[in-house]
Amino acid sequence: MAIRLGFVVSEFNRDLTYQMELLGREHATFLGAEVVETVMVPGVYDMPLAIKKLVSDEGIDAVVTIGCVIEGATGHDEIVVQHAARKIMDLSLESGKPVTLGISGPKMIRMEAHQRVDYAKRAVEAAVKMVSRIGE
């Protein structure tokens, strides 16, 4: 049976997260996994609630986060990524399901963000590997 993935995708910097989402879906198909649900959220900081919903769904084996945090004039980008990453890890541990980090940033400019759209593929690959290995 195919590994069932949930995607949580940030709408912020949608021009980039759209590319990331497409690459992630394509890679999931390549790996024989299926994206069964996608939840769009305003930004990376808003992901934890959607992740919590998806990890509680019996029909989802792992959750992949997709987002992009670009450096601004303040240190806001660092705060957003640090807090989101910490909560994403906590939700994975609490649920016993893999929740992978397909978020690029912080401290990157838009050009660097374009070069890192493959983070989504890495996150999908990590989710599939974790489900396979935890289930063994």
Protein backbone atom coordinates (compact mmCIF):
# COMPACT_ATOMS: atom_id res chain seq x y z
CA MET A 1 0.00 0.00 0.00
CA ALA A 2 1.24 3.49 -0.85
CA ILE A 3 2.49 5.77 1.90
CA ARG A 4 -0.12 8.47 2.47
CA LEU A 5 1.19 11.98 2.93
CA GLY A 6 -0.40 15.19 4.11
CA PHE A 7 1.07 18.47 2.89
CA VAL A 8 0.96 21.73 4.83
CA VAL A 9 1.84 24.54 2.44
CA SER A 10 2.49 28.20 3.24
CA GLU A 11 0.76 30.78 1.05
CA PHE A 12 3.35 33.41 1.95
CA ASN A 13 5.86 33.67 -0.92
CA ARG A 14 3.41 31.60 -2.95
CA ASP A 15 5.40 32.00 -6.16
CA LEU A 16 8.09 29.89 -4.48
CA THR A 17 5.94 27.55 -2.41
CA TYR A 18 3.89 26.71 -5.51
CA GLN A 19 7.04 25.46 -7.23
CA MET A 20 8.02 23.60 -4.07
CA GLU A 21 4.60 21.98 -3.82
CA LEU A 22 4.72 20.80 -7.44
CA LEU A 23 8.20 19.33 -6.98
CA GLY A 24 7.10 17.65 -3.75
CA ARG A 25 4.04 16.08 -5.39
CA GLU A 26 6.07 14.92 -8.36
CA HIS A 27 8.68 13.36 -6.06
CA ALA A 28 5.99 11.67 -3.94
CA THR A 29 4.61 10.03 -7.08
CA PHE A 30 8.12 9.00 -8.13
CA LEU A 31 8.63 7.35 -4.72
CA GLY A 32 5.27 5.56 -4.87
CA ALA A 33 3.68 7.74 -2.18
CA GLU A 34 0.37 9.55 -2.42
CA VAL A 35 -0.52 13.07 -1.27
CA VAL A 36 -3.98 12.52 0.20
CA GLU A 37 -4.60 15.94 1.75
CA THR A 38 -3.16 19.42 1.40
CA VAL A 39 -3.82 22.22 3.86
CA MET A 40 -2.92 25.75 2.85
CA VAL A 41 -1.92 28.09 5.68
CA PRO A 42 -1.13 31.83 5.59
CA GLY A 43 2.51 31.42 6.62
CA VAL A 44 5.10 29.12 8.16
CA TYR A 45 4.26 30.33 11.67
CA ASP A 46 0.66 29.14 11.12
CA MET A 47 1.61 25.54 10.28
CA PRO A 48 1.39 23.80 13.68
CA LEU A 49 -2.41 23.79 13.95
CA ALA A 50 -2.80 22.31 10.46
CA ILE A 51 -0.07 19.76 11.20
CA LYS A 52 -1.86 18.74 14.39
CA LYS A 53 -5.05 18.14 12.41
CA LEU A 54 -3.26 16.01 9.83
CA VAL A 55 -1.22 13.86 12.25
CA SER A 56 -4.44 12.99 14.08
CA ASP A 57 -5.92 11.60 10.84
CA GLU A 58 -5.62 7.79 10.69
CA GLY A 59 -5.45 7.97 6.89
CA ILE A 60 -2.21 9.96 6.89
CA ASP A 61 1.16 8.32 7.57
CA ALA A 62 3.36 11.45 7.58
CA VAL A 63 3.14 15.20 7.12
CA VAL A 64 5.38 17.28 4.86
CA THR A 65 5.73 21.01 5.52
CA ILE A 66 6.43 23.33 2.60
CA GLY A 67 7.37 26.93 3.15
CA CYS A 68 9.83 29.68 2.42
CA VAL A 69 11.01 32.37 4.84
CA ILE A 70 12.96 35.19 3.23
CA GLU A 71 15.13 37.60 5.19
CA GLY A 72 13.62 40.98 5.94
CA ALA A 73 14.88 44.17 7.53
CA THR A 74 14.54 42.69 11.04
CA GLY A 75 15.30 39.32 12.65
CA HIS A 76 11.65 38.27 12.22
CA ASP A 77 12.57 35.52 9.75
CA GLU A 78 14.76 33.80 12.34
CA ILE A 79 12.07 33.90 15.00
CA VAL A 80 9.46 32.47 12.62
CA VAL A 81 11.61 29.55 11.49
CA GLN A 82 12.98 28.71 14.95
CA HIS A 83 9.56 28.58 16.58
CA ALA A 84 7.90 26.75 13.71
CA ALA A 85 10.69 24.15 13.49
CA ARG A 86 10.54 23.53 17.25
CA LYS A 87 6.76 23.03 17.22
CA ILE A 88 6.94 20.85 14.10
CA MET A 89 9.40 18.59 15.90
CA ASP A 90 7.21 18.52 19.00
CA LEU A 91 4.14 17.52 16.97
CA SER A 92 6.06 14.69 15.35
CA LEU A 93 7.17 13.35 18.73
CA GLU A 94 3.72 13.76 20.30
CA SER A 95 1.91 12.04 17.44
CA GLY A 96 4.48 9.35 16.69
CA LYS A 97 4.26 10.27 13.00
CA PRO A 98 6.98 11.84 10.89
CA VAL A 99 6.56 15.56 10.23
CA THR A 100 9.31 16.72 7.91
CA LEU A 101 10.79 20.16 7.44
CA GLY A 102 10.50 21.40 3.87
CA ILE A 103 10.97 25.03 4.88
CA SER A 104 13.79 27.05 3.39
CA GLY A 105 15.27 29.96 5.33
CA PRO A 106 15.95 31.96 7.40
CA LYS A 107 18.66 34.42 6.38
CA MET A 108 18.22 34.01 2.65
CA ILE A 109 17.38 36.41 -0.11
CA ARG A 110 14.82 35.71 -2.84
CA MET A 111 17.52 34.48 -5.27
CA GLU A 112 18.69 31.90 -2.72
CA ALA A 113 15.08 30.87 -2.13
CA HIS A 114 14.71 30.09 -5.84
CA GLN A 115 17.78 27.88 -5.61
CA ARG A 116 16.30 25.98 -2.66
CA VAL A 117 12.90 24.94 -4.00
CA ASP A 118 14.19 21.35 -3.90
CA TYR A 119 13.82 21.42 -0.09
CA ALA A 120 10.30 20.12 -0.73
CA LYS A 121 11.68 17.02 -2.47
CA ARG A 122 14.03 16.40 0.44
CA ALA A 123 11.14 16.68 2.89
CA VAL A 124 9.03 14.20 0.90
CA GLU A 125 11.94 11.78 0.70
CA ALA A 126 12.53 12.05 4.46
CA ALA A 127 8.83 11.42 5.16
CA VAL A 128 8.77 8.30 2.97
CA LYS A 129 11.99 6.96 4.50
CA MET A 130 10.79 7.60 8.05
CA VAL A 131 7.45 5.87 7.49
CA SER A 132 9.24 2.91 5.90
CA ARG A 133 11.76 2.61 8.72
CA ILE A 134 9.43 3.22 11.64
CA GLY A 135 6.98 0.67 10.24
CA GLU A 136 9.66 -2.04 9.99
